[in-house]
Protein backbone atom coordinates (compact mmCIF):
# COMPACT_ATOMS: atom_id res chain seq x y z
CA MET A 1 0.10 0.11 -0.19
CA PRO A 2 1.31 3.49 -0.57
CA ALA A 3 2.50 5.63 2.13
CA TYR A 4 0.17 8.32 2.02
CA GLN A 5 -2.93 5.87 1.99
CA SER A 6 -1.24 3.79 5.18
CA THR A 7 -3.39 4.51 8.53
CA ASN A 8 0.07 4.24 10.26
CA TRP A 9 2.36 6.98 9.25
CA HIS A 10 5.34 5.43 11.04
CA GLY A 11 4.57 1.72 10.05
CA ARG A 12 7.62 -0.03 8.30
CA ASN A 13 7.01 -1.25 4.85
CA ASN A 14 7.89 -4.77 3.49
CA ASN A 15 11.49 -4.29 3.03
CA ASN A 16 11.76 -3.09 6.65
CA HIS A 17 14.38 -0.43 6.06
CA TYR A 18 12.03 2.53 5.32
CA TRP A 19 9.71 4.58 7.45
CA SER A 20 6.96 6.68 6.39
CA SER A 21 6.36 10.14 7.74
CA TRP A 22 4.51 13.23 7.32
CA HIS A 23 6.70 16.24 6.24
CA GLY A 24 5.22 19.63 6.85
CA TYR A 25 1.52 20.07 6.04
CA GLY A 26 0.79 20.58 2.25
CA HIS A 27 3.85 19.29 1.07
CA GLU A 28 4.44 15.41 -0.76
CA ARG A 29 4.49 12.77 1.94
CA ARG A 30 7.45 10.66 0.69
CA TRP A 31 9.56 7.81 2.22
CA THR A 32 12.48 8.81 4.39
CA PRO A 33 15.43 6.36 5.63
CA ASP A 34 15.49 4.65 9.01
CA TYR A 35 17.04 7.35 10.88
CA TYR A 36 13.81 8.53 11.94
CA ARG A 37 13.85 5.55 14.19
CA ASP A 38 12.86 6.23 18.06
CA ASP A 39 16.56 5.45 18.76
CA HIS A 40 17.33 8.37 16.77
CA VAL A 41 16.70 12.29 17.74
CA PRO A 42 14.62 13.50 15.33
CA PRO A 43 15.86 16.82 13.08
CA PRO A 44 15.01 20.07 15.23
CA LYS A 45 11.99 21.88 13.76
CA LYS A 46 12.61 24.96 11.06
CA PRO A 47 11.42 27.89 13.36
CA ARG A 48 8.42 29.96 12.32
CA ILE A 49 9.25 33.26 10.28
CA GLU A 50 7.51 35.87 12.69
CA LYS A 51 7.04 39.44 11.81
CA SER A 52 10.05 41.82 13.14
CA GLU A 53 8.95 44.23 15.64
CA ASP A 54 12.20 46.08 14.10
CA VAL A 55 10.56 46.38 10.75
CA MET A 56 10.39 50.51 10.16
CA PRO A 57 7.03 51.61 9.89
CA ILE A 58 5.31 52.43 6.39
CA GLU A 59 5.43 56.58 5.52
CA LYS A 60 2.61 57.99 4.22
CA GLN A 61 2.66 60.85 1.92
CA MET A 62 0.36 63.89 3.46
CA CYS A 63 -2.10 65.02 0.90
CA ALA A 64 -2.77 68.61 0.04
CA GLU A 65 -5.37 69.38 2.02
CA GLU A 66 -3.59 67.86 5.21
CA LEU A 67 -0.64 69.60 4.62
CA ALA A 68 -2.40 73.12 3.79
CA ALA A 69 -3.97 72.52 7.42
CA LEU A 70 -0.62 72.16 8.74
CA ARG A 71 0.83 74.94 7.04
CA LYS A 72 -1.75 77.25 8.28
CA ILE A 73 -1.27 76.78 11.87
CA LEU A 74 2.43 76.52 11.43
CA PHE A 75 2.96 80.30 9.63
CA GLY A 76 -0.33 81.31 9.12
CA GLU A 77 -1.68 82.93 5.63
CA MET A 78 1.16 85.65 5.21
CA LEU A 79 4.13 82.96 4.82
CA GLU A 80 7.57 84.79 4.31
CA GLU A 81 10.11 82.96 2.28
CA ASN A 82 13.34 83.77 4.18
CA ASP A 83 11.22 82.33 7.50
CA LEU A 84 10.34 79.23 5.73
CA GLU A 85 14.18 78.71 4.55
CA ARG A 86 15.81 79.08 7.68
CA TRP A 87 13.23 76.68 9.54
CA GLU A 88 13.79 74.34 6.92
CA GLN A 89 17.61 74.41 7.00
CA GLN A 90 17.50 73.83 11.00
CA SER A 91 18.80 70.49 12.13
CA PHE A 92 19.31 69.51 15.49
CA GLU A 93 23.25 69.58 15.85
CA PHE A 94 25.71 69.56 18.94
CA CYS A 95 28.35 71.83 19.82
CA LYS A 96 31.90 70.53 17.87
CA ASP A 97 34.95 72.25 18.66
CA LYS A 98 33.35 75.07 21.64
CA GLY A 99 30.32 74.53 24.11
CA PRO A 100 29.44 71.52 26.18
CA VAL A 101 29.22 68.39 25.03
CA TRP A 102 25.36 68.29 25.30
CA GLY A 103 24.97 71.97 23.68
CA LEU A 104 22.60 72.27 20.84
CA THR A 105 23.86 74.66 18.27
CA GLN A 106 21.56 77.05 16.70
CA ARG A 107 22.90 78.47 13.33
CA HIS A 108 19.27 80.08 11.93
CA GLY A 109 17.67 82.23 13.39
CA GLY A 110 13.77 81.58 14.18
CA PRO A 111 13.99 78.09 15.89
CA CYS A 112 16.08 79.33 19.45
CA GLY A 113 12.63 78.69 20.97
CA VAL A 114 12.28 75.13 20.09
CA LEU A 115 16.37 74.39 20.35
CA ALA A 116 15.55 76.16 23.66
CA SER A 117 12.90 73.71 25.08
CA VAL A 118 14.68 70.59 23.82
CA GLN A 119 17.48 71.58 25.96
CA GLY A 120 16.09 71.63 28.59
CA PHE A 121 14.48 68.03 28.02
CA ILE A 122 18.33 66.95 27.12
CA LEU A 123 19.80 68.16 30.67
CA ARG A 124 17.10 66.48 32.28
CA GLU A 125 18.21 63.67 30.98
CA VAL A 126 22.08 64.30 31.71
CA PHE A 127 21.25 65.86 35.13
CA SER A 128 22.91 63.07 37.19
CA GLU A 129 26.19 64.16 35.49
CA LEU A 130 26.54 67.88 35.55
CA LYS A 131 27.71 67.69 39.30
CA HIS A 132 30.84 65.91 38.31
CA ASP A 133 31.33 68.07 34.95
CA VAL A 134 28.63 70.18 33.41
CA CYS A 135 30.06 70.17 30.38
CA CYS A 136 29.56 66.06 30.46
CA ARG A 137 33.04 65.73 28.70
CA GLY A 138 34.04 62.08 28.95
CA VAL A 139 30.53 60.72 29.72
CA GLU A 140 29.06 57.36 28.34
CA PHE A 141 25.96 58.74 27.14
CA SER A 142 24.50 55.11 26.21
CA SER A 143 24.52 54.59 30.21
CA ILE A 144 23.34 57.43 31.72
CA SER A 145 19.71 55.86 32.41
CA ASN A 146 21.66 52.61 34.14
CA SER A 147 22.01 53.77 37.58
CA SER A 148 22.83 50.43 38.99
CA HIS A 149 26.74 50.28 38.05
CA MET A 150 28.65 48.99 40.98
CA ARG A 151 32.66 49.61 41.17
CA ASP A 152 34.11 46.28 41.21
CA GLY A 153 36.31 46.07 44.93
CA PRO A 154 39.67 48.00 45.39
CA LEU A 155 40.42 47.80 41.63
CA ALA A 156 41.59 51.09 40.47
CA CYS A 157 40.72 52.11 36.94
CA CYS A 158 43.73 51.93 34.40
CA PHE A 159 42.51 54.75 32.20
CA TRP A 160 41.86 56.80 35.66
CA LEU A 161 45.40 55.80 36.77
CA ARG A 162 46.71 57.00 33.56
CA GLY A 163 45.09 60.26 33.74
CA ARG A 164 42.19 59.62 31.03
CA CYS A 165 39.20 57.88 31.47
CA PRO A 166 36.86 57.99 28.73
CA TYR A 167 33.71 56.81 31.63
CA GLY A 168 34.01 59.83 34.07
CA SER A 169 31.63 58.96 37.07
CA ARG A 170 30.07 56.27 35.14
CA CYS A 171 33.79 54.23 34.87
CA LYS A 172 32.99 50.72 37.05
CA TYR A 173 36.08 50.86 38.67
CA ALA A 174 37.56 53.12 41.44
CA HIS A 175 39.13 56.35 40.54
CA VAL A 176 40.89 56.19 43.66
CA SER A 177 44.19 54.41 44.56
CA ASP A 178 44.52 51.53 46.68
CA ALA A 179 42.88 51.33 50.57
CA ASN A 180 46.47 51.83 51.68
CA GLY A 181 47.17 55.00 49.47
CA THR A 182 49.82 53.52 47.60
CA GLU A 183 50.80 54.53 44.05
CA ASN A 184 50.82 50.92 43.08
CA SER A 185 47.59 50.46 42.87
CA ALA A 186 46.05 47.32 41.02
CA CYS A 187 44.64 48.63 37.91
CA GLN A 188 41.26 46.26 36.11
CA TYR A 189 44.10 44.64 34.43
CA GLY A 190 46.13 43.08 37.43
CA ALA A 191 49.78 41.93 36.17
CA ARG A 192 49.01 42.06 32.40
CA CYS A 193 48.86 45.75 32.65
CA ARG A 194 51.93 47.07 30.76
CA TYR A 195 51.82 50.49 32.26
CA GLY A 196 53.17 49.29 35.37
CA HIS A 197 50.14 50.34 37.27
CA HIS A 198 51.34 54.24 38.01
CA PRO A 199 49.18 57.23 37.34
CA ALA A 200 50.32 59.06 33.95
CA GLN A 201 50.91 62.51 33.67
CA ASP A 202 49.19 63.24 30.58
CA ARG A 203 45.74 64.97 30.88
CA PHE A 204 42.26 63.34 29.72
CA ASP A 205 41.78 64.51 26.12
CA GLU A 206 38.78 66.42 25.47
CA LYS A 207 38.65 66.29 21.74
CA ASP A 208 38.75 62.42 22.08
CA ALA A 209 35.94 62.26 24.64
CA ARG A 210 33.82 64.20 22.03
CA LYS A 211 34.63 61.91 19.35
CA SER A 212 33.77 58.51 21.06
CA SER A 213 30.37 60.48 22.58
CA LYS A 214 29.17 61.99 19.14
CA GLY A 215 26.85 58.89 18.27
CA ASP A 216 25.30 58.49 21.84
CA VAL A 217 24.42 61.92 22.45
CA PHE A 218 21.77 61.57 19.46
CA THR A 219 20.16 58.70 21.78
CA VAL A 220 20.25 60.85 24.80
CA LEU A 221 18.68 63.38 22.17
CA ALA A 222 15.93 60.77 20.80
CA ARG A 223 14.96 60.53 24.72
CA ALA A 224 14.41 63.84 24.96
CA LEU A 225 11.84 64.60 22.09
CA THR A 226 10.15 61.24 22.76
CA ALA A 227 9.36 62.64 26.18
CA MET A 228 8.15 66.16 24.43
CA LEU A 229 5.91 64.11 21.99
CA LYS A 230 4.29 62.26 25.40
CA ASN A 231 3.45 65.08 27.32
CA ALA A 232 1.79 66.37 23.78
CA LEU A 233 -0.38 63.26 23.69
CA PRO A 234 -4.42 64.21 24.19
CA GLU A 235 -6.06 62.37 27.09
CA GLY A 236 -7.37 59.03 26.33
CA THR A 237 -5.01 58.45 23.03
CA SER A 238 -1.86 56.77 22.56
CA THR A 239 -1.09 57.29 18.75
CA PHE A 240 1.89 59.42 17.77
CA TRP A 241 2.26 61.08 14.28
CA LEU A 242 6.13 62.09 13.37
CA VAL A 243 6.69 63.87 10.36
CA LYS A 244 9.36 64.03 7.60
CA TRP A 245 9.46 67.50 6.34
CA GLY A 246 11.12 67.25 3.07
CA PRO A 247 12.41 70.11 0.61
CA ALA A 248 10.62 71.83 -1.69
CA GLN A 249 10.15 70.97 -5.17
CA GLU A 250 10.46 72.82 -8.18
CA GLY A 251 8.62 75.93 -8.37
CA SER A 252 7.31 78.39 -5.09
CA ARG A 253 8.74 77.96 -2.11
CA THR A 254 5.86 79.39 -0.11
CA ASP A 255 3.34 76.63 -2.23
CA SER A 256 2.64 74.14 -0.02
CA ALA A 257 2.04 71.55 -2.53
CA SER A 258 5.56 71.82 -3.56
CA ARG A 259 6.92 69.75 -0.59
CA LEU A 260 6.88 66.30 0.00
CA VAL A 261 6.04 65.72 3.81
CA HIS A 262 5.37 62.17 5.02
CA THR A 263 4.12 60.89 8.38
CA VAL A 264 4.37 58.09 10.32
CA SER A 265 1.90 56.44 12.53
CA LEU A 266 3.42 54.80 15.83
CA SER A 267 1.50 53.15 19.13
CA SER A 268 3.99 53.78 21.97
CA ALA A 269 6.51 55.57 22.88
CA ASP A 270 9.17 52.60 22.52
CA GLN A 271 8.31 52.65 19.06
CA VAL A 272 9.46 56.51 18.49
CA LEU A 273 12.28 56.17 20.29
CA SER A 274 13.14 53.59 18.00
CA TRP A 275 12.16 55.54 14.75
CA LEU A 276 14.38 58.40 15.87
CA THR A 277 17.92 56.24 16.93
CA ALA A 278 17.34 54.52 13.59
CA GLU A 279 20.26 54.41 11.58
CA GLY A 280 21.98 56.29 13.90
CA GLY A 281 19.75 59.05 14.18
CA LYS A 282 19.67 59.96 10.92
CA GLN A 283 15.98 61.47 10.97
CA ILE A 284 16.83 64.28 13.29
CA ARG A 285 20.47 64.71 12.13
CA GLN A 286 18.98 66.12 8.63
CA PRO A 287 17.92 69.76 7.67
CA GLY A 288 14.61 70.66 8.58
CA ALA A 289 14.86 68.10 11.32
CA VAL A 290 13.46 71.28 13.70
CA LEU A 291 10.47 71.79 11.97
CA SER A 292 9.43 68.15 11.70
CA PHE A 293 9.68 67.76 15.24
CA VAL A 294 7.57 70.91 15.66
CA ALA A 295 4.59 69.48 12.61
CA SER A 296 5.23 65.97 14.74
CA LEU A 297 4.31 67.92 17.99
CA LEU A 298 1.20 69.13 16.45
CA LEU A 299 -0.14 66.12 14.32
CA THR A 300 0.55 64.12 17.89
CA ARG A 301 -1.55 66.63 19.61
CA THR A 302 -3.90 66.73 17.04
CA LEU A 303 -4.76 70.40 15.04
CA THR A 304 -7.98 70.22 16.60
CA THR A 305 -6.58 70.08 20.33
CA VAL A 306 -4.20 72.68 19.61
CA GLN A 307 -6.87 75.01 18.48
CA ASN A 308 -8.87 74.64 21.37
CA ASP A 309 -5.83 74.95 23.61
CA MET A 310 -4.93 78.63 22.12
CA ASP A 311 -6.99 81.73 23.11
CA ASP A 312 -7.37 82.59 19.77
CA PRO A 313 -8.13 79.46 16.94
CA GLY A 314 -6.25 81.34 14.75
CA GLN A 315 -3.21 81.70 16.07
CA HIS A 316 -0.16 79.98 14.45
CA MET A 317 3.18 78.34 15.57
CA ILE A 318 5.45 80.63 14.21
CA THR A 319 5.51 84.52 13.80
CA THR A 320 7.06 87.75 12.53
CA PHE A 321 10.54 86.43 11.55
CA GLY A 322 10.31 83.15 12.03
CA HIS A 323 10.04 83.85 15.87
CA CYS A 324 8.50 81.32 17.94
CA SER A 325 4.83 82.30 19.32
CA GLN A 326 4.09 81.62 23.34
CA GLU A 327 1.72 78.78 22.20
CA LEU A 328 4.59 76.71 20.67
CA MET A 329 6.86 77.57 23.53
CA ASN A 330 3.71 76.26 25.71
CA LEU A 331 3.45 73.11 23.43
CA CYS A 332 7.28 72.23 23.95
CA LEU A 333 7.22 72.64 27.74
CA THR A 334 4.24 71.52 29.06
CA GLY A 335 2.44 69.77 26.09
CA LYS A 336 -0.51 72.11 25.72
CA ALA A 337 -0.50 74.88 23.46
CA THR A 338 -2.29 77.65 25.55
CA SER A 339 -1.57 80.95 25.17
CA ASN A 340 -0.61 82.51 28.38
CA VAL A 341 2.24 82.13 31.13
CA HIS A 342 0.53 83.00 34.46
CA ASP A 343 -1.05 80.18 36.48
CA GLY A 344 -4.39 78.97 35.46
CA ASN A 345 -7.24 80.20 33.57
CA ILE A 346 -8.39 83.58 34.27
CA THR A 347 -12.10 83.93 33.59
CA ILE A 348 -13.49 87.79 32.50
CA GLY A 349 -16.52 88.62 32.67
CA GLU A 350 -19.84 86.49 33.33
CA ASP A 351 -20.66 83.25 31.77
CA GLY A 352 -21.92 83.81 28.11
CA GLU A 353 -20.84 85.23 24.99
CA ASP A 354 -18.95 88.04 26.28
CA CYS A 355 -16.96 85.73 28.63
CA ILE A 356 -13.03 85.97 27.62
CA ILE A 357 -10.88 82.87 29.02
CA LEU A 358 -7.69 83.27 29.13
CA LYS A 359 -5.78 79.93 29.62
CA GLY A 360 -2.59 79.41 31.38
CA ILE A 361 -0.50 76.67 32.96
CA GLU A 362 -2.40 74.35 35.04
CA GLN A 363 0.56 72.34 37.06
CA PRO A 364 4.12 72.65 37.26
CA PRO A 365 6.04 71.61 34.63
CA THR A 366 8.88 69.18 34.00
CA ILE A 367 11.07 72.49 32.57
CA GLY A 368 10.62 76.22 33.93
CA TYR A 369 10.39 79.31 32.57
CA LEU A 370 11.32 82.61 33.19
CA SER A 371 10.49 86.01 30.78
CA ALA A 372 12.25 89.15 30.44
CA PHE A 373 9.47 90.91 30.16
CA GLU A 374 8.17 90.80 33.44
CA ALA A 375 11.48 92.13 34.30
CA LEU A 376 9.94 95.12 32.15
CA ASN A 377 6.57 94.90 33.72
CA GLN A 378 4.82 94.10 30.55
CA LEU A 379 3.47 90.22 32.08
CA GLU A 380 3.85 88.06 35.42
CA VAL A 381 5.27 84.06 34.75
CA GLY A 382 3.19 82.09 37.33
CA ARG A 383 4.19 80.15 39.98
CA CYS A 384 3.90 76.64 38.02
CA TYR A 385 6.66 77.62 35.44
CA LYS A 386 8.82 79.54 38.20
CA GLN A 387 9.50 76.22 40.46
CA PRO A 388 9.09 73.56 38.04
CA LYS A 389 9.84 69.60 38.68
CA TRP A 390 13.57 70.42 37.80
CA PRO A 391 15.81 73.23 38.22
CA ILE A 392 16.02 73.94 34.39
CA TRP A 393 14.26 77.18 33.16
CA VAL A 394 13.86 78.42 29.38
CA ILE A 395 14.52 82.23 29.25
CA GLY A 396 12.56 84.45 27.28
CA GLY A 397 14.67 87.03 25.80
CA PRO A 398 12.77 90.25 23.89
CA MET A 399 13.93 88.30 20.29
CA HIS A 400 16.02 85.23 21.61
CA TYR A 401 15.46 81.96 24.02
CA THR A 402 18.15 80.68 25.74
CA ILE A 403 18.28 78.10 28.67
CA CYS A 404 19.55 78.43 32.48
CA PHE A 405 19.73 75.45 35.05
CA SER A 406 21.34 74.58 38.53
CA PRO A 407 23.12 71.37 38.93
CA ASP A 408 21.86 71.43 42.39
CA CYS A 409 17.83 71.57 43.07
CA THR A 410 18.12 73.08 46.01
CA LEU A 411 17.91 76.57 44.39
CA ASN A 412 14.69 75.05 43.43
CA HIS A 413 13.51 75.04 46.91
CA VAL A 414 13.83 78.58 47.64
CA GLN A 415 10.28 79.82 48.27
CA LEU A 416 9.13 81.89 45.45
CA PRO A 417 8.26 85.74 45.79
CA ASP A 418 4.78 87.24 46.52
CA GLU A 419 1.62 85.67 45.59
CA SER A 420 0.32 87.49 42.19
CA LYS A 421 0.09 91.09 41.98
CA VAL A 422 -3.05 90.32 39.74
CA SER A 423 -6.04 89.69 42.00
CA GLY A 424 -9.68 88.83 40.95
CA GLY A 425 -11.81 92.02 41.11
CA ASP A 426 -15.25 92.50 39.83
CA GLY A 427 -15.91 89.90 36.97
CA VAL A 428 -12.20 88.42 37.36
CA LYS A 429 -12.04 85.20 38.31
CA ARG A 430 -8.62 83.18 38.47
CA SER A 431 -8.66 79.08 38.93
CA LYS A 432 -6.39 77.49 41.32
CA VAL A 433 -3.94 75.29 40.25
CA ALA A 434 -1.48 72.71 42.33
CA ALA A 435 1.87 73.91 43.56
CA LEU A 436 4.89 71.15 43.32
CA GLU A 437 4.44 68.71 45.83
CA ASN A 438 7.62 67.10 45.79
CA CYS A 439 11.14 67.57 43.87
CA GLU A 440 11.89 65.09 41.63
CA VAL A 441 15.40 65.61 41.49
CA CYS A 442 15.97 64.74 45.44
CA GLY A 443 12.19 63.74 46.20
CA VAL A 444 11.87 66.31 49.27
CA CYS A 445 8.51 67.64 49.83
CA LEU A 446 8.20 71.19 48.98
CA ALA A 447 4.43 71.69 50.25
CA GLY A 448 4.85 72.33 53.66
CA SER A 449 7.72 74.22 55.16
CA LYS A 450 10.11 71.33 55.52
CA GLY A 451 11.13 70.95 52.12
CA THR A 452 11.31 74.52 51.34
CA LEU A 453 13.86 77.45 52.09
CA PRO A 454 13.01 81.10 52.82
CA SER A 455 15.70 82.87 51.64
CA VAL A 456 18.72 82.14 49.35
CA SER A 457 21.00 82.90 52.38
CA GLN A 458 19.70 79.98 53.98
CA LEU A 459 21.80 77.75 50.89
CA GLN A 460 24.68 75.59 52.10
CA ASN A 461 28.10 78.64 51.81
CA GLY A 462 25.17 81.58 51.24
CA TYR A 463 24.58 81.41 47.69
CA GLY A 464 23.37 79.24 44.76
CA THR A 465 25.00 78.18 41.55
CA LEU A 466 23.75 78.58 37.71
CA TYR A 467 24.46 77.88 34.30
CA HIS A 468 23.65 79.92 31.04
CA PHE A 469 23.79 78.30 27.94
CA ASN A 470 23.24 80.28 24.52
CA GLY A 471 23.46 77.90 21.54
CA LEU A 472 23.38 80.56 18.94
CA GLU A 473 26.56 80.29 16.47
CA GLN A 474 27.10 83.15 13.67
CA LYS A 475 29.52 83.57 11.23
CA VAL A 476 30.49 85.59 8.41
CA ALA A 477 28.81 84.60 5.00
CA GLU A 478 31.77 85.42 2.59
CA THR A 479 34.94 84.24 4.69
CA GLY A 480 33.01 81.56 7.20
CA GLN A 481 35.05 83.57 9.96
CA ALA A 482 33.05 83.10 13.56
CA ILE A 483 31.94 85.73 15.03
CA ARG A 484 29.80 84.32 17.95
CA CYS A 485 29.95 80.93 19.01
CA PRO A 486 27.97 78.90 21.59
CA GLU A 487 28.38 80.12 24.89
CA LEU A 488 27.93 78.49 28.75
CA ARG A 489 28.34 81.02 31.53
CA LYS A 490 28.68 80.30 35.11
CA CYS A 491 26.90 82.86 38.25
CA TYR A 492 26.60 82.94 41.63
CA VAL A 493 23.41 83.98 43.28
CA SER A 494 23.60 85.34 46.52
CA ALA A 495 21.05 87.37 49.09
CA SER A 496 21.29 90.90 49.17
CA ASN A 497 19.38 93.83 50.81
CA SER A 498 19.07 95.94 47.25
CA ALA A 499 15.77 97.02 46.30
CA CYS A 500 14.02 95.05 43.92
CA THR A 501 13.73 97.84 40.42
CA LEU A 502 12.30 97.12 36.96
CA ALA A 503 14.61 97.47 34.19
CA SER A 504 14.32 100.28 32.10
CA SER A 505 14.45 98.40 28.57
CA ASP A 506 15.39 95.52 26.78
CA GLU A 507 18.90 97.04 26.57
CA ASP A 508 19.53 97.40 30.19
CA PRO A 509 22.54 96.02 31.23
CA GLU A 510 20.74 95.08 34.59
CA LEU A 511 18.10 92.98 32.67
CA PHE A 512 19.25 89.52 32.97
CA GLN A 513 19.73 90.24 37.11
CA VAL A 514 16.06 91.54 37.54
CA LEU A 515 14.98 88.42 35.28
CA LEU A 516 16.39 86.16 38.17
CA ARG A 517 14.91 87.98 40.92
CA SER A 518 11.30 87.65 39.65
CA ARG A 519 12.42 84.09 40.74
CA TRP A 520 14.58 84.56 43.84
CA HIS A 521 13.54 87.83 45.57
CA SER A 522 16.54 90.29 46.42
CA VAL A 523 19.67 88.71 45.20
CA ASP A 524 23.00 89.79 43.55
CA VAL A 525 24.05 87.99 40.44
CA SER A 526 28.03 87.85 39.87
CA TRP A 527 29.07 86.27 36.60
CA ASP A 528 31.85 84.08 36.58
CA GLY A 529 33.11 85.19 39.74
CA ASP A 530 33.31 88.97 39.32
CA LYS A 531 30.34 91.20 39.85
CA ASN A 532 32.33 93.56 37.55
CA THR A 533 31.85 91.09 34.76
CA LYS A 534 29.41 91.80 32.39
CA PRO A 535 26.02 89.50 32.13
CA PRO A 536 25.43 87.42 28.63
CA ARG A 537 23.17 89.06 26.47
CA LEU A 538 19.69 87.92 25.82
CA ASN A 539 19.34 88.64 22.23
């Protein structure tokens, strides 16, 4: 009887040398040799081909109607060609020769507000390293999120003994000599070490550190962008929309139909991170990456929700000269495109058609915000922005945005100045917002008086330390000579008995100090340890 008619699939045939077996569903049944007997191990089954999670999602080109709606909320009706061109050329770039390793460089005017906001979230990612080295030279960025590094007993780091460990504080070997304090410390390589276990005199090579960490720092950037996109998700949704803003085709540069803009739909933050870090972060390195990220924030939040966030639904994100609107700044920092910087909502008038609602900040955000216009008495920044979850603040200058931070969270524990000077009068109602309860850096409760400090004078040594970073880079177009480079400045904030005054104009040399006094009442500021040193420019 033929094998395929046999009722016993493993029964012997007449010559007792072959077995019949089943070779895959849907395939021909055929005779096989007797190595399929019970005393032989059957061959392993072929693994099933499953869909890989690493497969990149499919990109979809936006239709003309969708692109027109996106462009309208980005630039409005009147779009200047130069403004669009600058935004389409700006990518996410890190400082190369000067400035901190984590510093983003701005080469084109306009996107400074977005870059400063992203810079704040990058600083949150590397915050644990700022105490050891504020510039993060030699930090292994790929392992920043891992806090479980343990040192291997008394073994010293051979690279540190030679004076140039590229791992910094993340090194798992001790950066000290042995317990007896002798110079002949046993390094990680033991007897195999060819340097004799003695400390070398050569110093740490900053260029080598920058080169080794160049790729990993884009992973930190991708985590920061993912966190900002996650903040923008509307309540009850989990779909992210990422945008690739392509260059203009032949024709008018201001025509929305002249661009190839693609979108990608992702269902989790992990997928967003994978997409951003694919191919060495190609998506965030290319020109127009900053504009693509802003468009991703808008589509992730949805255009309808963004319009409902704003006081004026017709407001656009990028305004005159390509500057960021307050709505765009709030979208980057809080995830909501509200139009004001005060706490909560201010309702003017009784309920009805004549009622006006001015929407502000509902809760303390991750990154704070301080404005030079408060120093000019033109607005008031609320307590939510002044005491954020992390001691990092975007500085809103008259025409430029920068970043200010402290490597120590105690400055953020100092009590805020007096309550709002704007009181609720007849027909004016202010919604209440919750103050910051716990510091996310040290976990100290700030809701009561135990974790707060009444003034800067209560800090250790009687002063606090702030750093200010400006990533603006300017060059002469004809020669390429740099006339302005990214700059990191250090200042000391100490208590003062001098009366608080307002700045006279946006050119006032005391503008920065008056701005800081809006957060820390009655303080003196000395830059680079010298009160006579000029403060950095806010423009």
